[in-house]
Amino acid sequence: MDKETLVFTNSLEENLLQLREVFVYSEDFIIDYTPINGEDAFLVYIESIVDKKTIEQRVIKPLHIMNSSDEKSKRTETFVTESNSVKEITSRLLNGNCVLLKRGTDLLLVFEAAAFESRSIKEPASEGVIRGSHDGFIESLSTNISLIRKRLQNPKLKIKYFTIGTESNTKVAMIYLDHIANTSTVQKIQEKLLSIDIDYVMAPGHLEEFISSNTSIFPTMLSTERADRTAANLMDGRVAIIADSSPGALIAPSTFFTFFQSPDDYNNRPYFGSFIRFLRIFGFLITVMLPALYIAIVSFHYEILPTEIVFSIKSSLEYVPYPPLIEAFAMQITLEILREASLRLPSRISQTIGVVGGLVIGTAVVEANLVSNTMIIVVAITAISSFIVPITEMGSAIRLLGFPFMLLASMLGFIGISFFLMYVLIHLCKLESFGTPYFSPLSTLSWNELKDTIIRAPAPTFTLRPRDTQPKKRRKTKG
């Protein structure tokens, strides 16, 4: 018989044998003899993922005080469900439930007794804010959903569960507001989730690759560990995907400018919020273009600089034995090595390694005439600018994007930079996130949508939801 259709029988011994065969390699699989009203009964569970006190107080004690006259009423107060499916009972046991087997029935009673360990709720290290909420997602799916429900106490908040991973059986939740989210978008994401055929879900990024099918360097799904950011995106008509054992949520559809927004923007005055957003976009341009502009100017277009600056740069380059491209590549790669090393080291020494390593290497390469002083300044400004982007995935993308700009600048100067910049803009305009134009509102020329993209307009002007999500209900206010 197919494993999917295996069922238990009325024989207690056969049912116990089936469960022993399923968990034959699990030494933490426990079978306790628990007679009820003089009849044989067994309580089975996986010791490492259940709470023994819960089993004792909510399962064993109520079962022992039962008598034949009120057994039915008492049972309904303590048990979760009943089933005769081997597959379902196995899944329930692996989720931390305990199961009661009785003689003369093929229905097994399932009781809730899970006790999975989880860390306390804290603010995400990579998405800190000065004002506002300081709680973030953890590795518990139920806790993460409760953080969202705390902010959106709405019966129309819809949650659909999927089980992904033939071996891991990871529980994944798709969350959206039924009266706001676009039906077509929800359907596309649901079809993507149902079509995933893997044995193990390693991380949100792993899941994202199967859902978005995106080969671009730019991320088309927003990844966040903040509950307030997730709730705000749900209110705009987007869909959130959260996997169990993962502290992050994937948000779709997402546009380019979504990655430059931060909850802090809405906790400050509109003028400062708009100024910070301009800084982020300017930082993006500096990270991508500054090393390339330096290479192009030094190699081809030095005449655009004042004479004093030309002589200063010339003197710093006089003893450097290789062209500016090699300088830039070497320093950028060194910077990435330092960045990666500081991430992997313990937090107490990672900052020291980053600062001391940068100072020592920078001073040494300049004194050895391996790199010019000007290049050190350019690389330092580029590195600082890359940190201003609030979403890590976009920050990684723009750092990589700088390398082809540098290569073309060394070959064709400003012409190479211009051609590649046009290619990037065309790519951004063509890119979509689940049917939504990725470079919206610029690619769609929706000027009215700019009030919450490049700038942060006053909150009372946000009367409509973004057009890019194609929400069912666009108006936010009653008027």
Protein backbone atom coordinates (compact mmCIF):
# COMPACT_ATOMS: atom_id res chain seq x y z
CA MET A 1 0.00 0.00 0.00
CA ASP A 2 1.18 3.55 -0.74
CA LYS A 3 2.64 5.34 2.29
CA GLU A 4 0.35 8.29 1.60
CA THR A 5 -2.75 6.11 2.16
CA LEU A 6 -1.59 3.98 5.11
CA VAL A 7 -4.14 3.93 7.94
CA PHE A 8 -4.27 2.50 11.44
CA THR A 9 -6.47 -0.46 12.36
CA ASN A 10 -8.52 -1.54 15.40
CA SER A 11 -5.54 -3.58 16.64
CA LEU A 12 -3.55 -1.73 19.30
CA GLU A 13 -0.50 -3.95 18.78
CA GLU A 14 -0.46 -3.36 14.99
CA ASN A 15 -0.79 0.40 15.47
CA LEU A 16 2.14 0.47 17.90
CA LEU A 17 4.20 -1.62 15.49
CA GLN A 18 3.51 0.81 12.63
CA LEU A 19 4.68 3.77 14.71
CA ARG A 20 7.80 1.87 15.86
CA GLU A 21 8.65 1.18 12.20
CA VAL A 22 8.24 4.86 11.30
CA PHE A 23 10.49 6.05 14.16
CA VAL A 24 12.80 3.03 14.25
CA TYR A 25 15.95 5.22 14.25
CA SER A 26 14.68 7.72 16.85
CA GLU A 27 15.82 6.97 20.37
CA ASP A 28 13.86 9.97 21.67
CA PHE A 29 10.60 8.37 20.48
CA ILE A 30 8.82 7.41 23.72
CA ILE A 31 5.94 4.96 24.27
CA ASP A 32 4.32 5.24 27.73
CA TYR A 33 1.78 2.73 29.00
CA THR A 34 -1.20 4.74 30.32
CA PRO A 35 -4.25 2.57 31.13
CA ILE A 36 -7.62 4.36 31.09
CA ASN A 37 -10.58 2.95 33.03
CA GLY A 38 -8.82 -0.41 33.20
CA GLU A 39 -8.30 -0.53 29.41
CA ASP A 40 -4.90 -0.66 27.74
CA ALA A 41 -3.74 2.65 26.27
CA PHE A 42 -0.39 4.07 25.21
CA LEU A 43 0.82 7.66 24.99
CA VAL A 44 3.51 8.24 22.33
CA TYR A 45 5.61 11.36 21.72
CA ILE A 46 9.07 12.59 20.75
CA GLU A 47 10.78 13.46 24.02
CA SER A 48 13.07 16.20 22.69
CA ILE A 49 10.28 18.45 21.35
CA VAL A 50 7.51 18.13 23.95
CA ASP A 51 6.91 19.67 27.36
CA LYS A 52 6.68 16.91 29.98
CA LYS A 53 4.78 19.16 32.40
CA THR A 54 2.16 19.93 29.74
CA ILE A 55 1.69 16.22 29.07
CA GLU A 56 1.35 15.49 32.78
CA GLN A 57 -1.10 18.31 33.57
CA ARG A 58 -3.17 18.59 30.39
CA VAL A 59 -3.16 15.02 29.10
CA ILE A 60 -2.37 12.30 31.67
CA LYS A 61 -4.24 13.75 34.68
CA PRO A 62 -7.47 14.53 32.79
CA LEU A 63 -7.40 11.07 31.21
CA HIS A 64 -6.96 9.34 34.57
CA ILE A 65 -9.92 11.11 36.19
CA MET A 66 -12.27 10.15 33.37
CA ASN A 67 -15.07 7.71 33.92
CA SER A 68 -17.28 6.06 31.39
CA SER A 69 -20.17 8.49 31.90
CA ASP A 70 -18.32 11.72 31.17
CA GLU A 71 -15.43 10.48 29.00
CA LYS A 72 -16.71 12.17 25.86
CA SER A 73 -17.15 15.57 27.48
CA LYS A 74 -13.80 15.40 29.24
CA ARG A 75 -11.98 14.27 26.14
CA THR A 76 -13.12 17.25 24.10
CA GLU A 77 -11.60 19.60 26.68
CA THR A 78 -8.08 18.26 26.25
CA PHE A 79 -7.52 16.76 22.84
CA VAL A 80 -6.76 18.62 19.59
CA THR A 81 -7.97 16.23 16.93
CA GLU A 82 -8.23 12.56 16.01
CA SER A 83 -7.07 10.69 12.93
CA ASN A 84 -6.38 7.22 11.56
CA SER A 85 -3.89 8.39 8.91
CA VAL A 86 -0.31 7.23 9.46
CA LYS A 87 1.02 10.22 7.52
CA GLU A 88 -0.96 12.78 9.54
CA ILE A 89 -0.11 11.20 12.90
CA THR A 90 3.59 11.12 11.94
CA SER A 91 3.45 14.80 11.01
CA ARG A 92 1.68 15.64 14.28
CA LEU A 93 4.33 13.84 16.32
CA LEU A 94 7.11 15.67 14.48
CA ASN A 95 5.35 18.97 15.27
CA GLY A 96 5.57 18.31 19.00
CA ASN A 97 2.18 16.73 19.68
CA CYS A 98 1.61 13.59 21.71
CA VAL A 99 -0.74 10.82 20.56
CA LEU A 100 -2.96 8.43 22.53
CA LEU A 101 -3.57 4.89 21.22
CA LYS A 102 -6.44 2.84 22.69
CA ARG A 103 -7.53 -0.73 22.17
CA GLY A 104 -10.46 -1.42 19.86
CA THR A 105 -10.33 1.78 17.79
CA ASP A 106 -8.46 2.93 14.71
CA LEU A 107 -8.73 6.61 15.69
CA LEU A 108 -5.73 8.06 17.51
CA LEU A 109 -6.20 11.12 19.73
CA VAL A 110 -3.75 14.01 19.24
CA PHE A 111 -2.83 16.42 22.07
CA GLU A 112 -0.88 19.68 21.88
CA ALA A 113 2.36 19.51 23.90
CA ALA A 114 5.05 21.19 21.78
CA ALA A 115 8.04 22.82 23.46
CA PHE A 116 10.38 24.04 20.71
CA GLU A 117 13.13 26.31 22.01
CA SER A 118 13.27 29.86 20.63
CA ARG A 119 15.15 33.06 21.42
CA SER A 120 13.54 36.17 22.85
CA ILE A 121 12.13 38.92 20.63
CA LYS A 122 14.74 41.57 19.84
CA GLU A 123 15.33 44.30 17.31
CA PRO A 124 16.98 42.98 14.11
CA ALA A 125 20.68 43.81 14.11
CA SER A 126 20.69 44.82 10.43
CA GLU A 127 17.51 46.95 10.53
CA GLY A 128 17.85 49.14 13.59
CA VAL A 129 15.85 52.36 14.01
CA ILE A 130 16.13 55.33 16.37
CA ARG A 131 12.40 55.84 16.97
CA GLY A 132 9.52 53.42 16.72
CA SER A 133 9.10 49.71 17.28
CA HIS A 134 12.11 47.70 18.43
CA ASP A 135 10.75 44.16 18.07
CA GLY A 136 11.57 41.81 15.24
CA PHE A 137 10.88 38.34 13.94
CA ILE A 138 12.44 35.25 15.48
CA GLU A 139 12.70 31.60 14.37
CA SER A 140 9.16 30.73 15.51
CA LEU A 141 6.47 31.00 12.82
CA SER A 142 3.61 31.31 15.33
CA THR A 143 5.40 34.12 17.19
CA ASN A 144 6.08 35.99 13.95
CA ILE A 145 2.43 35.75 12.91
CA SER A 146 1.35 36.98 16.35
CA LEU A 147 3.57 40.08 15.91
CA ILE A 148 1.78 40.83 12.64
CA ARG A 149 -1.69 40.17 14.07
CA LYS A 150 -0.85 42.48 16.98
CA ARG A 151 -0.45 45.31 14.46
CA LEU A 152 -3.23 44.29 12.06
CA GLN A 153 -6.20 43.23 14.18
CA ASN A 154 -8.32 42.59 11.13
CA PRO A 155 -10.39 39.45 10.40
CA LYS A 156 -9.57 39.90 6.70
CA LEU A 157 -5.91 39.19 7.34
CA LYS A 158 -5.60 35.88 5.54
CA ILE A 159 -2.99 33.23 6.32
CA LYS A 160 -2.43 30.17 4.15
CA TYR A 161 -0.04 27.40 5.18
CA PHE A 162 2.11 25.29 2.87
CA THR A 163 4.47 22.42 3.62
CA ILE A 164 7.67 22.66 1.57
CA GLY A 165 10.56 20.20 1.56
CA THR A 166 10.09 16.49 1.03
CA GLU A 167 12.51 15.72 3.87
CA SER A 168 12.29 18.78 6.15
CA ASN A 169 8.50 19.37 5.86
CA THR A 170 9.01 23.07 6.56
CA LYS A 171 5.86 25.02 7.34
CA VAL A 172 5.54 28.19 5.24
CA ALA A 173 2.87 30.87 5.68
CA MET A 174 1.56 33.19 2.96
CA ILE A 175 0.00 36.29 4.54
CA TYR A 176 -2.07 39.03 2.90
CA LEU A 177 -5.12 41.23 3.41
CA ASP A 178 -7.87 39.61 1.38
CA HIS A 179 -9.77 42.84 0.63
CA ILE A 180 -6.64 44.76 -0.46
CA ALA A 181 -4.12 42.39 -2.10
CA ASN A 182 -4.46 41.84 -5.83
CA THR A 183 -6.03 38.44 -6.55
CA SER A 184 -3.77 37.77 -9.55
CA THR A 185 -0.63 38.46 -7.50
CA VAL A 186 -1.81 36.18 -4.70
CA GLN A 187 -2.56 33.44 -7.21
CA LYS A 188 0.88 33.74 -8.86
CA ILE A 189 2.69 33.48 -5.53
CA GLN A 190 0.53 30.57 -4.41
CA GLU A 191 1.25 28.68 -7.64
CA LYS A 192 4.98 29.30 -7.16
CA LEU A 193 4.86 27.94 -3.61
CA LEU A 194 2.92 24.85 -4.68
CA SER A 195 5.36 24.14 -7.51
CA ILE A 196 8.49 24.12 -5.30
CA ASP A 197 10.01 20.64 -5.26
CA ILE A 198 13.02 20.49 -2.95
CA ASP A 199 13.98 18.30 -0.02
CA TYR A 200 15.02 21.02 2.42
CA VAL A 201 14.39 24.76 2.86
CA MET A 202 17.73 26.18 3.99
CA ALA A 203 16.98 29.91 4.28
CA PRO A 204 14.64 32.66 3.02
CA GLY A 205 17.09 33.46 0.22
CA HIS A 206 16.89 29.83 -0.90
CA LEU A 207 13.10 30.04 -0.99
CA GLU A 208 13.20 33.40 -2.77
CA GLU A 209 15.05 31.95 -5.75
CA PHE A 210 12.27 29.42 -6.34
CA ILE A 211 9.47 31.95 -5.91
CA SER A 212 10.75 34.93 -7.90
CA SER A 213 12.65 33.10 -10.70
CA ASN A 214 14.73 36.27 -10.91
CA THR A 215 18.14 36.14 -12.62
CA SER A 216 18.80 39.88 -12.27
CA ILE A 217 21.43 41.29 -9.95
CA PHE A 218 18.66 43.36 -8.33
CA PRO A 219 16.43 41.67 -5.72
CA THR A 220 12.73 41.62 -6.67
CA MET A 221 11.49 40.47 -3.26
CA LEU A 222 12.02 42.54 -0.14
CA SER A 223 13.53 40.59 2.76
CA THR A 224 12.94 41.99 6.24
CA GLU A 225 13.03 40.90 9.87
CA ARG A 226 10.88 43.82 11.06
CA ALA A 227 7.23 43.18 11.94
CA ASP A 228 6.25 46.84 11.48
CA ARG A 229 7.72 46.97 7.97
CA THR A 230 5.90 43.74 7.09
CA ALA A 231 2.57 45.07 8.40
CA ALA A 232 2.98 48.34 6.47
CA ASN A 233 3.65 46.44 3.24
CA LEU A 234 0.60 44.23 3.82
CA MET A 235 -1.48 47.40 4.16
CA ASP A 236 -0.20 48.52 0.76
CA GLY A 237 -1.52 45.33 -0.85
CA ARG A 238 1.61 43.23 -0.82
CA VAL A 239 2.02 39.58 0.19
CA ALA A 240 4.33 38.30 2.93
CA ILE A 241 5.92 34.84 2.99
CA ILE A 242 7.35 33.54 6.28
CA ALA A 243 8.97 30.15 6.81
CA ASP A 244 9.20 28.35 10.13
CA SER A 245 12.69 28.34 11.70
CA SER A 246 13.50 31.58 9.87
CA PRO A 247 13.44 35.12 11.31
CA GLY A 248 12.78 36.82 7.98
CA ALA A 249 9.78 37.65 5.81
CA LEU A 250 9.77 37.91 2.02
CA ILE A 251 7.58 40.71 0.63
CA ALA A 252 6.21 40.72 -2.92
CA PRO A 253 5.73 42.52 -5.20
CA SER A 254 8.56 44.95 -4.48
CA THR A 255 9.88 47.88 -6.49
CA PHE A 256 13.36 49.39 -6.71
CA PHE A 257 12.54 52.32 -4.42
CA THR A 258 11.02 50.02 -1.76
CA PHE A 259 14.58 49.02 -0.83
CA PHE A 260 15.47 52.63 0.01
CA GLN A 261 12.65 53.10 2.53
CA SER A 262 13.02 52.72 6.28
CA PRO A 263 10.53 52.85 9.19
CA ASP A 264 12.56 55.77 10.52
CA ASP A 265 11.38 57.85 7.54
CA TYR A 266 7.87 57.89 8.99
CA ASN A 267 9.02 58.61 12.55
CA ASN A 268 10.67 61.89 11.51
CA ARG A 269 9.34 65.10 10.00
CA PRO A 270 8.66 64.87 6.23
CA TYR A 271 11.49 67.29 5.40
CA PHE A 272 14.11 65.23 7.18
CA GLY A 273 12.59 61.98 5.87
CA SER A 274 12.83 63.29 2.30
CA PHE A 275 16.40 64.49 2.89
CA ILE A 276 17.44 61.05 4.16
CA ARG A 277 15.87 59.35 1.13
CA PHE A 278 17.77 61.67 -1.19
CA LEU A 279 20.94 60.77 0.71
CA ARG A 280 20.26 57.05 0.24
CA ILE A 281 19.77 57.40 -3.51
CA PHE A 282 22.83 59.67 -3.72
CA GLY A 283 24.77 57.06 -1.73
CA PHE A 284 23.65 54.43 -4.24
CA LEU A 285 25.03 56.54 -7.11
CA ILE A 286 28.31 57.16 -5.26
CA THR A 287 28.78 53.45 -4.53
CA VAL A 288 28.17 52.49 -8.14
CA MET A 289 29.82 55.40 -9.99
CA LEU A 290 32.54 57.09 -7.90
CA PRO A 291 35.40 54.58 -8.50
CA ALA A 292 34.45 54.43 -12.19
CA LEU A 293 34.42 58.24 -12.47
CA TYR A 294 37.84 58.42 -10.82
CA ILE A 295 39.27 55.85 -13.26
CA ALA A 296 37.72 57.63 -16.27
CA ILE A 297 38.98 61.07 -15.20
CA VAL A 298 42.52 59.91 -14.40
CA SER A 299 42.80 57.79 -17.56
CA PHE A 300 41.01 59.96 -20.16
CA HIS A 301 39.38 63.16 -18.93
CA TYR A 302 41.79 64.85 -16.52
CA GLU A 303 41.20 68.17 -18.36
CA ILE A 304 37.83 68.63 -16.57
CA LEU A 305 39.62 69.06 -13.23
CA PRO A 306 41.25 72.27 -11.95
CA THR A 307 45.00 72.40 -12.54
CA GLU A 308 45.84 72.26 -8.82
CA ILE A 309 43.86 69.03 -8.35
CA VAL A 310 45.45 67.51 -11.48
CA PHE A 311 48.96 68.15 -10.09
CA SER A 312 47.93 66.73 -6.70
CA ILE A 313 46.56 63.52 -8.22
CA LYS A 314 49.53 63.28 -10.58
CA SER A 315 51.99 63.45 -7.70
CA SER A 316 50.17 60.69 -5.79
CA LEU A 317 50.11 58.47 -8.90
CA GLU A 318 53.74 59.11 -9.90
CA TYR A 319 55.23 56.01 -8.26
CA VAL A 320 52.23 53.65 -8.53
CA PRO A 321 53.40 50.89 -10.93
CA TYR A 322 50.02 49.91 -12.46
CA PRO A 323 46.94 51.61 -13.96
CA PRO A 324 44.02 53.00 -11.88
CA LEU A 325 41.80 50.00 -12.75
CA ILE A 326 44.13 47.60 -10.94
CA GLU A 327 44.31 50.03 -8.01
CA ALA A 328 40.52 50.22 -7.74
CA PHE A 329 39.96 46.48 -8.14
CA ALA A 330 42.63 45.61 -5.57
CA MET A 331 41.29 48.03 -2.95
CA GLN A 332 37.63 47.11 -3.52
CA ILE A 333 38.38 43.40 -3.18
CA THR A 334 40.49 44.06 -0.07
CA LEU A 335 37.59 46.02 1.39
CA GLU A 336 35.17 43.15 0.69
CA ILE A 337 37.57 40.72 2.39
CA LEU A 338 37.71 42.95 5.47
CA ARG A 339 33.93 43.30 5.47
CA GLU A 340 33.40 39.53 5.24
CA ALA A 341 36.02 38.83 7.91
CA SER A 342 34.42 41.29 10.34
CA LEU A 343 31.04 39.58 9.85
CA ARG A 344 32.39 36.12 10.66
CA LEU A 345 34.44 37.09 13.70
CA PRO A 346 32.97 37.43 17.22
CA SER A 347 31.30 40.81 17.70
CA ARG A 348 33.79 41.96 20.36
CA ILE A 349 36.75 41.86 17.98
CA SER A 350 35.07 42.30 14.58
CA GLN A 351 34.91 46.11 14.89
CA THR A 352 38.56 46.23 15.95
CA ILE A 353 39.59 44.12 12.97
CA GLY A 354 37.63 46.35 10.60
CA VAL A 355 39.05 49.63 11.89
CA VAL A 356 42.62 48.52 12.62
CA GLY A 357 42.81 46.37 9.49
CA GLY A 358 41.61 49.23 7.31
CA LEU A 359 44.04 51.74 8.86
CA VAL A 360 47.04 49.41 8.77
CA ILE A 361 46.45 48.21 5.22
CA GLY A 362 45.61 51.71 3.95
CA THR A 363 48.73 53.26 5.47
CA ALA A 364 50.98 50.41 4.35
CA VAL A 365 49.90 50.35 0.70
CA VAL A 366 50.27 54.14 0.38
CA GLU A 367 53.75 54.16 1.95
CA ALA A 368 54.77 51.28 -0.32
CA ASN A 369 53.52 53.23 -3.37
CA LEU A 370 51.14 50.42 -4.28
CA VAL A 371 48.05 52.64 -4.18
CA SER A 372 47.62 56.40 -4.40
CA ASN A 373 46.26 58.59 -1.61
CA THR A 374 43.37 59.66 -3.84
CA MET A 375 42.30 56.05 -4.42
CA ILE A 376 42.20 55.44 -0.65
CA ILE A 377 39.84 58.42 -0.29
CA VAL A 378 37.63 57.22 -3.17
CA VAL A 379 37.37 53.68 -1.78
CA ALA A 380 36.64 54.95 1.75
CA ILE A 381 33.80 57.21 0.54
CA THR A 382 32.44 54.36 -1.59
CA ALA A 383 32.47 51.95 1.37
CA ILE A 384 30.68 54.39 3.68
CA SER A 385 28.07 55.18 1.02
CA SER A 386 27.27 51.48 0.53
CA PHE A 387 26.12 51.21 4.17
CA ILE A 388 23.44 53.89 3.79
CA VAL A 389 21.12 51.52 1.89
CA PRO A 390 18.80 50.04 4.58
CA ILE A 391 18.28 46.62 2.94
CA THR A 392 21.29 44.28 2.84
CA GLU A 393 20.34 42.56 -0.44
CA MET A 394 20.25 45.86 -2.36
CA GLY A 395 23.52 46.95 -0.75
CA SER A 396 25.21 43.76 -1.97
CA ALA A 397 23.80 44.27 -5.48
CA ILE A 398 25.09 47.83 -5.87
CA ARG A 399 28.57 46.88 -4.60
CA LEU A 400 28.80 44.21 -7.31
CA LEU A 401 27.44 46.65 -9.90
CA GLY A 402 30.44 48.91 -9.39
CA PHE A 403 32.90 46.43 -10.93
CA PRO A 404 31.58 46.46 -14.54
CA PHE A 405 31.36 50.27 -14.32
CA MET A 406 35.05 50.40 -13.39
CA LEU A 407 36.01 48.02 -16.20
CA LEU A 408 34.17 50.01 -18.89
CA ALA A 409 35.49 53.30 -17.49
CA SER A 410 39.07 52.04 -17.89
CA MET A 411 38.40 51.11 -21.54
CA LEU A 412 36.11 53.88 -22.82
CA GLY A 413 36.04 56.58 -20.15
CA PHE A 414 32.81 58.55 -19.78
CA ILE A 415 31.40 56.89 -22.91
CA GLY A 416 31.71 53.44 -21.31
CA ILE A 417 30.06 54.69 -18.11
CA SER A 418 27.21 56.28 -20.10
CA PHE A 419 26.55 53.15 -22.16
CA PHE A 420 26.47 50.86 -19.14
CA LEU A 421 24.32 53.32 -17.18
CA MET A 422 21.79 53.30 -20.04
CA TYR A 423 21.86 49.49 -20.05
CA VAL A 424 21.16 49.39 -16.29
CA LEU A 425 18.27 51.87 -16.64
CA ILE A 426 16.74 49.86 -19.51
CA HIS A 427 17.12 46.68 -17.46
CA LEU A 428 15.40 48.31 -14.46
CA CYS A 429 12.54 49.53 -16.66
CA LYS A 430 12.03 46.06 -18.17
CA LEU A 431 12.27 44.19 -14.87
CA GLU A 432 9.06 43.10 -13.13
CA SER A 433 8.15 41.74 -9.71
CA PHE A 434 5.09 39.50 -10.07
CA GLY A 435 3.62 41.69 -12.80
CA THR A 436 4.58 44.98 -11.12
CA PRO A 437 7.01 47.31 -12.98
CA TYR A 438 10.18 47.19 -10.88
CA PHE A 439 11.26 50.78 -11.59
CA SER A 440 7.82 52.19 -10.86
CA PRO A 441 6.85 55.04 -10.59
CA LEU A 442 9.63 56.37 -12.85
CA SER A 443 9.21 53.72 -15.57
CA THR A 444 5.42 54.21 -15.61
CA LEU A 445 5.66 58.03 -15.34
CA SER A 446 3.25 58.02 -12.38
CA TRP A 447 4.37 61.33 -10.93
CA ASN A 448 1.68 61.30 -8.24
CA GLU A 449 3.31 58.17 -6.79
CA LEU A 450 6.58 60.00 -6.09
CA LYS A 451 5.24 61.27 -2.76
CA ASP A 452 6.36 58.07 -1.01
CA THR A 453 9.29 56.92 -3.14
CA ILE A 454 12.04 59.47 -3.79
CA ILE A 455 10.56 61.85 -1.21
CA ARG A 456 8.50 61.33 1.94
CA ALA A 457 5.46 63.60 1.75
CA PRO A 458 3.39 64.52 4.86
CA ALA A 459 1.32 61.60 6.19
CA PRO A 460 -2.12 63.26 5.59
CA THR A 461 -1.40 63.24 1.85
CA PHE A 462 -1.18 59.42 1.79
CA THR A 463 -4.82 58.95 0.86
CA LEU A 464 -4.21 56.30 -1.80
CA ARG A 465 -2.24 53.06 -1.81
CA PRO A 466 0.59 52.67 -4.33
CA ARG A 467 -0.64 51.91 -7.83
CA ASP A 468 2.21 49.47 -8.46
CA THR A 469 0.68 46.78 -6.20
CA GLN A 470 -2.65 47.04 -8.09
CA PRO A 471 -4.68 46.82 -4.85
CA LYS A 472 -8.38 46.03 -4.82
CA LYS A 473 -8.96 48.97 -2.50
CA ARG A 474 -6.80 52.00 -3.33
CA ARG A 475 -8.21 54.53 -0.91
CA LYS A 476 -6.76 54.47 2.60
CA THR A 477 -9.12 57.00 4.16
CA LYS A 478 -12.90 56.97 4.49
CA GLY A 479 -13.32 60.06 2.34
